[in-house]
PDB file of N, CA and C in Angstrom:
ATOM      1  N   MET A   1      20.774   0.310 -10.042  1.00  0.00           N
ATOM      2  CA  MET A   1      20.336   1.229  -9.009  1.00  0.00           C
ATOM      3  C   MET A   1      18.894   1.693  -9.243  1.00  0.00           C
ATOM      4  N   HIS A   2      18.527   1.878 -10.519  1.00  0.00           N
ATOM      5  CA  HIS A   2      17.158   2.323 -10.801  1.00  0.00           C
ATOM      6  C   HIS A   2      16.130   1.306 -10.313  1.00  0.00           C
ATOM      7  N   GLY A   3      16.403   0.021 -10.560  1.00  0.00           N
ATOM      8  CA  GLY A   3      15.479  -1.025 -10.125  1.00  0.00           C
ATOM      9  C   GLY A   3      15.310  -1.052  -8.621  1.00  0.00           C
ATOM     10  N   VAL A   4      16.396  -0.868  -7.894  1.00  0.00           N
ATOM     11  CA  VAL A   4      16.344  -0.859  -6.428  1.00  0.00           C
ATOM     12  C   VAL A   4      15.544   0.353  -5.943  1.00  0.00           C
ATOM     13  N   LEU A   5      15.793   1.511  -6.528  1.00  0.00           N
ATOM     14  CA  LEU A   5      15.050   2.713  -6.139  1.00  0.00           C
ATOM     15  C   LEU A   5      13.566   2.577  -6.470  1.00  0.00           C
ATOM     16  N   MET A   6      13.257   1.936  -7.590  1.00  0.00           N
ATOM     17  CA  MET A   6      11.855   1.705  -7.945  1.00  0.00           C
ATOM     18  C   MET A   6      11.175   0.823  -6.900  1.00  0.00           C
ATOM     19  N   ARG A   7      11.873  -0.200  -6.454  1.00  0.00           N
ATOM     20  CA  ARG A   7      11.302  -1.112  -5.455  1.00  0.00           C
ATOM     21  C   ARG A   7      11.074  -0.389  -4.129  1.00  0.00           C
ATOM     22  N   ILE A   8      12.034   0.421  -3.716  1.00  0.00           N
ATOM     23  CA  ILE A   8      11.885   1.189  -2.475  1.00  0.00           C
ATOM     24  C   ILE A   8      10.695   2.139  -2.585  1.00  0.00           C
ATOM     25  N   PHE A   9      10.565   2.821  -3.729  1.00  0.00           N
ATOM     26  CA  PHE A   9       9.458   3.751  -3.934  1.00  0.00           C
ATOM     27  C   PHE A   9       8.116   3.041  -3.861  1.00  0.00           C
ATOM     28  N   SER A  10       7.983   1.910  -4.534  1.00  0.00           N
ATOM     29  CA  SER A  10       6.680   1.242  -4.581  1.00  0.00           C
ATOM     30  C   SER A  10       6.278   0.699  -3.215  1.00  0.00           C
ATOM     31  N   PHE A  11       7.223   0.136  -2.472  1.00  0.00           N
ATOM     32  CA  PHE A  11       6.881  -0.350  -1.135  1.00  0.00           C
ATOM     33  C   PHE A  11       6.587   0.807  -0.185  1.00  0.00           C
ATOM     34  N   SER A  12       7.269   1.922  -0.373  1.00  0.00           N
ATOM     35  CA  SER A  12       6.978   3.105   0.441  1.00  0.00           C
ATOM     36  C   SER A  12       5.580   3.628   0.139  1.00  0.00           C
ATOM     37  N   LEU A  13       5.202   3.635  -1.128  1.00  0.00           N
ATOM     38  CA  LEU A  13       3.877   4.087  -1.538  1.00  0.00           C
ATOM     39  C   LEU A  13       2.796   3.253  -0.867  1.00  0.00           C
ATOM     40  N   VAL A  14       2.953   1.945  -0.856  1.00  0.00           N
ATOM     41  CA  VAL A  14       1.973   1.067  -0.218  1.00  0.00           C
ATOM     42  C   VAL A  14       1.946   1.311   1.289  1.00  0.00           C
ATOM     43  N   SER A  15       3.100   1.540   1.903  1.00  0.00           N
ATOM     44  CA  SER A  15       3.158   1.784   3.338  1.00  0.00           C
ATOM     45  C   SER A  15       2.445   3.075   3.721  1.00  0.00           C
ATOM     46  N   TRP A  16       2.648   4.103   2.916  1.00  0.00           N
ATOM     47  CA  TRP A  16       2.058   5.408   3.248  1.00  0.00           C
ATOM     48  C   TRP A  16       0.564   5.455   2.972  1.00  0.00           C
ATOM     49  N   LEU A  17       0.143   4.898   1.852  1.00  0.00           N
ATOM     50  CA  LEU A  17      -1.257   5.030   1.446  1.00  0.00           C
ATOM     51  C   LEU A  17      -2.150   3.904   1.950  1.00  0.00           C
ATOM     52  N   GLU A  18      -1.570   2.821   2.392  1.00  0.00           N
ATOM     53  CA  GLU A  18      -2.268   1.637   2.899  1.00  0.00           C
ATOM     54  C   GLU A  18      -3.421   1.238   1.987  1.00  0.00           C
ATOM     55  N   PRO A  19      -4.684   1.206   2.454  1.00  0.00           N
ATOM     56  CA  PRO A  19      -5.764   0.712   1.587  1.00  0.00           C
ATOM     57  C   PRO A  19      -6.037   1.581   0.355  1.00  0.00           C
ATOM     58  N   ASP A  20      -5.606   2.838   0.382  1.00  0.00           N
ATOM     59  CA  ASP A  20      -5.848   3.734  -0.752  1.00  0.00           C
ATOM     60  C   ASP A  20      -4.762   3.628  -1.821  1.00  0.00           C
ATOM     61  N   SER A  21      -3.866   2.671  -1.674  1.00  0.00           N
ATOM     62  CA  SER A  21      -2.770   2.503  -2.634  1.00  0.00           C
ATOM     63  C   SER A  21      -3.300   2.127  -4.012  1.00  0.00           C
ATOM     64  N   PRO A  22      -2.674   2.652  -5.043  1.00  0.00           N
ATOM     65  CA  PRO A  22      -3.043   2.249  -6.409  1.00  0.00           C
ATOM     66  C   PRO A  22      -2.378   0.900  -6.728  1.00  0.00           C
ATOM     67  N   PHE A  23      -3.016  -0.191  -6.310  1.00  0.00           N
ATOM     68  CA  PHE A  23      -2.376  -1.496  -6.339  1.00  0.00           C
ATOM     69  C   PHE A  23      -1.958  -1.946  -7.740  1.00  0.00           C
ATOM     70  N   LEU A  24      -2.761  -1.658  -8.751  1.00  0.00           N
ATOM     71  CA  LEU A  24      -2.377  -2.059 -10.104  1.00  0.00           C
ATOM     72  C   LEU A  24      -1.096  -1.337 -10.517  1.00  0.00           C
ATOM     73  N   PHE A  25      -0.995  -0.055 -10.212  1.00  0.00           N
ATOM     74  CA  PHE A  25       0.218   0.703 -10.514  1.00  0.00           C
ATOM     75  C   PHE A  25       1.416   0.125  -9.767  1.00  0.00           C
ATOM     76  N   VAL A  26       1.232  -0.179  -8.496  1.00  0.00           N
ATOM     77  CA  VAL A  26       2.327  -0.713  -7.679  1.00  0.00           C
ATOM     78  C   VAL A  26       2.784  -2.065  -8.217  1.00  0.00           C
ATOM     79  N   TRP A  27       1.839  -2.938  -8.597  1.00  0.00           N
ATOM     80  CA  TRP A  27       2.214  -4.230  -9.159  1.00  0.00           C
ATOM     81  C   TRP A  27       2.960  -4.060 -10.471  1.00  0.00           C
ATOM     82  N   ALA A  28       2.475  -3.153 -11.316  1.00  0.00           N
ATOM     83  CA  ALA A  28       3.140  -2.918 -12.601  1.00  0.00           C
ATOM     84  C   ALA A  28       4.537  -2.346 -12.384  1.00  0.00           C
ATOM     85  N   PHE A  29       4.664  -1.429 -11.447  1.00  0.00           N
ATOM     86  CA  PHE A  29       5.949  -0.815 -11.132  1.00  0.00           C
ATOM     87  C   PHE A  29       6.929  -1.857 -10.588  1.00  0.00           C
ATOM     88  N   ASN A  30       6.439  -2.702  -9.663  1.00  0.00           N
ATOM     89  CA  ASN A  30       7.279  -3.768  -9.095  1.00  0.00           C
ATOM     90  C   ASN A  30       7.698  -4.776 -10.159  1.00  0.00           C
ATOM     91  N   THR A  31       6.801  -5.097 -11.065  1.00  0.00           N
ATOM     92  CA  THR A  31       7.132  -6.050 -12.122  1.00  0.00           C
ATOM     93  C   THR A  31       8.174  -5.461 -13.060  1.00  0.00           C
ATOM     94  N   THR A  32       8.043  -4.176 -13.360  1.00  0.00           N
ATOM     95  CA  THR A  32       9.033  -3.506 -14.203  1.00  0.00           C
ATOM     96  C   THR A  32      10.402  -3.508 -13.535  1.00  0.00           C
ATOM     97  N   ASP A  33      10.438  -3.224 -12.230  1.00  0.00           N
ATOM     98  CA  ASP A  33      11.744  -3.231 -11.564  1.00  0.00           C
ATOM     99  C   ASP A  33      12.304  -4.642 -11.471  1.00  0.00           C
ATOM    100  N   ALA A  34      11.445  -5.655 -11.376  1.00  0.00           N
ATOM    101  CA  ALA A  34      11.928  -7.041 -11.384  1.00  0.00           C
ATOM    102  C   ALA A  34      12.542  -7.394 -12.733  1.00  0.00           C
ATOM    103  N   VAL A  35      11.971  -6.873 -13.806  1.00  0.00           N
ATOM    104  CA  VAL A  35      12.548  -7.101 -15.136  1.00  0.00           C
ATOM    105  C   VAL A  35      13.928  -6.460 -15.215  1.00  0.00           C
ATOM    106  N   ILE A  36      14.040  -5.224 -14.743  1.00  0.00           N
ATOM    107  CA  ILE A  36      15.335  -4.521 -14.758  1.00  0.00           C
ATOM    108  C   ILE A  36      16.367  -5.276 -13.925  1.00  0.00           C
ATOM    109  N   LEU A  37      15.974  -5.672 -12.708  1.00  0.00           N
ATOM    110  CA  LEU A  37      16.915  -6.372 -11.835  1.00  0.00           C
ATOM    111  C   LEU A  37      17.261  -7.761 -12.366  1.00  0.00           C
ATOM    112  N   SER A  38      16.307  -8.410 -13.039  1.00  0.00           N
ATOM    113  CA  SER A  38      16.604  -9.707 -13.662  1.00  0.00           C
ATOM    114  C   SER A  38      17.653  -9.550 -14.750  1.00  0.00           C
ATOM    115  N   TRP A  39      17.498  -8.527 -15.565  1.00  0.00           N
ATOM    116  CA  TRP A  39      18.457  -8.266 -16.643  1.00  0.00           C
ATOM    117  C   TRP A  39      19.854  -8.012 -16.062  1.00  0.00           C
ATOM    118  N   CYS A  40      19.907  -7.195 -15.018  1.00  0.00           N
ATOM    119  CA  CYS A  40      21.205  -6.897 -14.391  1.00  0.00           C
ATOM    120  C   CYS A  40      21.837  -8.160 -13.809  1.00  0.00           C
ATOM    121  N   SER A  41      21.023  -8.994 -13.166  1.00  0.00           N
ATOM    122  CA  SER A  41      21.579 -10.215 -12.576  1.00  0.00           C
ATOM    123  C   SER A  41      21.989 -11.218 -13.645  1.00  0.00           C
ATOM    124  N   LEU A  42      21.301 -11.210 -14.789  1.00  0.00           N
ATOM    125  CA  LEU A  42      21.730 -12.061 -15.903  1.00  0.00           C
ATOM    126  C   LEU A  42      23.092 -11.611 -16.427  1.00  0.00           C
ATOM    127  N   LEU A  43      23.262 -10.293 -16.544  1.00  0.00           N
ATOM    128  CA  LEU A  43      24.544  -9.774 -17.017  1.00  0.00           C
ATOM    129  C   LEU A  43      25.689 -10.122 -16.070  1.00  0.00           C
ATOM    130  N   LYS A  44      25.383 -10.132 -14.777  1.00  0.00           N
ATOM    131  CA  LYS A  44      26.409 -10.455 -13.776  1.00  0.00           C
ATOM    132  C   LYS A  44      26.524 -11.952 -13.528  1.00  0.00           C
ATOM    133  N   LYS A  45      25.668 -12.738 -14.208  1.00  0.00           N
ATOM    134  CA  LYS A  45      25.662 -14.196 -14.077  1.00  0.00           C
ATOM    135  C   LYS A  45      25.403 -14.654 -12.640  1.00  0.00           C
ATOM    136  N   ASP A  46      24.503 -13.953 -11.971  1.00  0.00           N
ATOM    137  CA  ASP A  46      24.110 -14.294 -10.606  1.00  0.00           C
ATOM    138  C   ASP A  46      22.816 -15.107 -10.673  1.00  0.00           C
ATOM    139  N   LYS A  47      22.962 -16.424 -10.640  1.00  0.00           N
ATOM    140  CA  LYS A  47      21.821 -17.315 -10.851  1.00  0.00           C
ATOM    141  C   LYS A  47      20.752 -17.171  -9.769  1.00  0.00           C
ATOM    142  N   ALA A  48      21.171 -17.051  -8.524  1.00  0.00           N
ATOM    143  CA  ALA A  48      20.199 -16.959  -7.433  1.00  0.00           C
ATOM    144  C   ALA A  48      19.368 -15.683  -7.537  1.00  0.00           C
ATOM    145  N   TYR A  49      20.011 -14.570  -7.793  1.00  0.00           N
ATOM    146  CA  TYR A  49      19.296 -13.299  -7.899  1.00  0.00           C
ATOM    147  C   TYR A  49      18.432 -13.267  -9.155  1.00  0.00           C
ATOM    148  N   THR A  50      18.881 -13.899 -10.217  1.00  0.00           N
ATOM    149  CA  THR A  50      18.070 -14.005 -11.430  1.00  0.00           C
ATOM    150  C   THR A  50      16.806 -14.797 -11.137  1.00  0.00           C
ATOM    151  N   LEU A  51      16.943 -15.927 -10.476  1.00  0.00           N
ATOM    152  CA  LEU A  51      15.785 -16.748 -10.122  1.00  0.00           C
ATOM    153  C   LEU A  51      14.822 -15.966  -9.236  1.00  0.00           C
ATOM    154  N   LEU A  52      15.348 -15.264  -8.249  1.00  0.00           N
ATOM    155  CA  LEU A  52      14.510 -14.474  -7.351  1.00  0.00           C
ATOM    156  C   LEU A  52      13.709 -13.434  -8.125  1.00  0.00           C
ATOM    157  N   ASN A  53      14.346 -12.733  -9.043  1.00  0.00           N
ATOM    158  CA  ASN A  53      13.656 -11.681  -9.772  1.00  0.00           C
ATOM    159  C   ASN A  53      12.720 -12.221 -10.845  1.00  0.00           C
ATOM    160  N   VAL A  54      13.059 -13.344 -11.462  1.00  0.00           N
ATOM    161  CA  VAL A  54      12.130 -13.962 -12.417  1.00  0.00           C
ATOM    162  C   VAL A  54      10.878 -14.434 -11.672  1.00  0.00           C
ATOM    163  N   PHE A  55      11.064 -14.961 -10.476  1.00  0.00           N
ATOM    164  CA  PHE A  55       9.918 -15.309  -9.639  1.00  0.00           C
ATOM    165  C   PHE A  55       9.107 -14.049  -9.322  1.00  0.00           C
ATOM    166  N   GLY A  56       9.797 -12.944  -9.047  1.00  0.00           N
ATOM    167  CA  GLY A  56       9.117 -11.672  -8.796  1.00  0.00           C
ATOM    168  C   GLY A  56       8.299 -11.213  -9.991  1.00  0.00           C
ATOM    169  N   ILE A  57       8.781 -11.464 -11.186  1.00  0.00           N
ATOM    170  CA  ILE A  57       8.025 -11.126 -12.399  1.00  0.00           C
ATOM    171  C   ILE A  57       6.737 -11.953 -12.458  1.00  0.00           C
ATOM    172  N   MET A  58       6.858 -13.244 -12.190  1.00  0.00           N
ATOM    173  CA  MET A  58       5.674 -14.113 -12.223  1.00  0.00           C
ATOM    174  C   MET A  58       4.650 -13.680 -11.165  1.00  0.00           C
ATOM    175  N   VAL A  59       5.118 -13.376  -9.964  1.00  0.00           N
ATOM    176  CA  VAL A  59       4.224 -12.906  -8.906  1.00  0.00           C
ATOM    177  C   VAL A  59       3.586 -11.579  -9.316  1.00  0.00           C
ATOM    178  N   GLY A  60       4.376 -10.711  -9.955  1.00  0.00           N
ATOM    179  CA  GLY A  60       3.865  -9.417 -10.402  1.00  0.00           C
ATOM    180  C   GLY A  60       2.768  -9.554 -11.439  1.00  0.00           C
ATOM    181  N   VAL A  61       2.929 -10.487 -12.352  1.00  0.00           N
ATOM    182  CA  VAL A  61       1.896 -10.708 -13.374  1.00  0.00           C
ATOM    183  C   VAL A  61       0.600 -11.166 -12.722  1.00  0.00           C
ATOM    184  N   VAL A  62       0.709 -12.094 -11.772  1.00  0.00           N
ATOM    185  CA  VAL A  62      -0.476 -12.565 -11.049  1.00  0.00           C
ATOM    186  C   VAL A  62      -1.095 -11.409 -10.253  1.00  0.00           C
ATOM    187  N   GLY A  63      -0.255 -10.605  -9.604  1.00  0.00           N
ATOM    188  CA  GLY A  63      -0.752  -9.466  -8.842  1.00  0.00           C
ATOM    189  C   GLY A  63      -1.482  -8.455  -9.722  1.00  0.00           C
ATOM    190  N   MET A  64      -0.932  -8.206 -10.926  1.00  0.00           N
ATOM    191  CA  MET A  64      -1.605  -7.268 -11.833  1.00  0.00           C
ATOM    192  C   MET A  64      -2.942  -7.825 -12.299  1.00  0.00           C
ATOM    193  N   LEU A  65      -2.990  -9.120 -12.577  1.00  0.00           N
ATOM    194  CA  LEU A  65      -4.261  -9.731 -12.979  1.00  0.00           C
ATOM    195  C   LEU A  65      -5.303  -9.626 -11.872  1.00  0.00           C
ATOM    196  N   ARG A  66      -4.885  -9.876 -10.653  1.00  0.00           N
ATOM    197  CA  ARG A  66      -5.818  -9.804  -9.525  1.00  0.00           C
ATOM    198  C   ARG A  66      -6.230  -8.370  -9.233  1.00  0.00           C
ATOM    199  N   ALA A  67      -5.308  -7.419  -9.353  1.00  0.00           N
ATOM    200  CA  ALA A  67      -5.628  -6.020  -9.072  1.00  0.00           C
ATOM    201  C   ALA A  67      -6.512  -5.412 -10.143  1.00  0.00           C
ATOM    202  N   SER A  68      -6.464  -5.953 -11.350  1.00  0.00           N
ATOM    203  CA  SER A  68      -7.267  -5.386 -12.429  1.00  0.00           C
ATOM    204  C   SER A  68      -8.716  -5.846 -12.390  1.00  0.00           C
ATOM    205  N   ASN A  69      -9.016  -6.880 -11.618  1.00  0.00           N
ATOM    206  CA  ASN A  69     -10.406  -7.381 -11.528  1.00  0.00           C
ATOM    207  C   ASN A  69     -11.192  -6.655 -10.486  1.00  0.00           C
TER     208      ASN A  69
END
């Protein structure tokens, strides 16, 4: 539940603040929630959701690299 709430919060933050969003923070927050959700899906042995969230981690790392430049 924490990972889902984190994802809702970060997307809401981007929606409300638009161009003034702290993008590096949002990417880091999203990547952290992807790690949490990946762990949960691994425990439940849900391969599709694990793949989706591991992909989200990879996208998050790229997003953080781009936002930090």
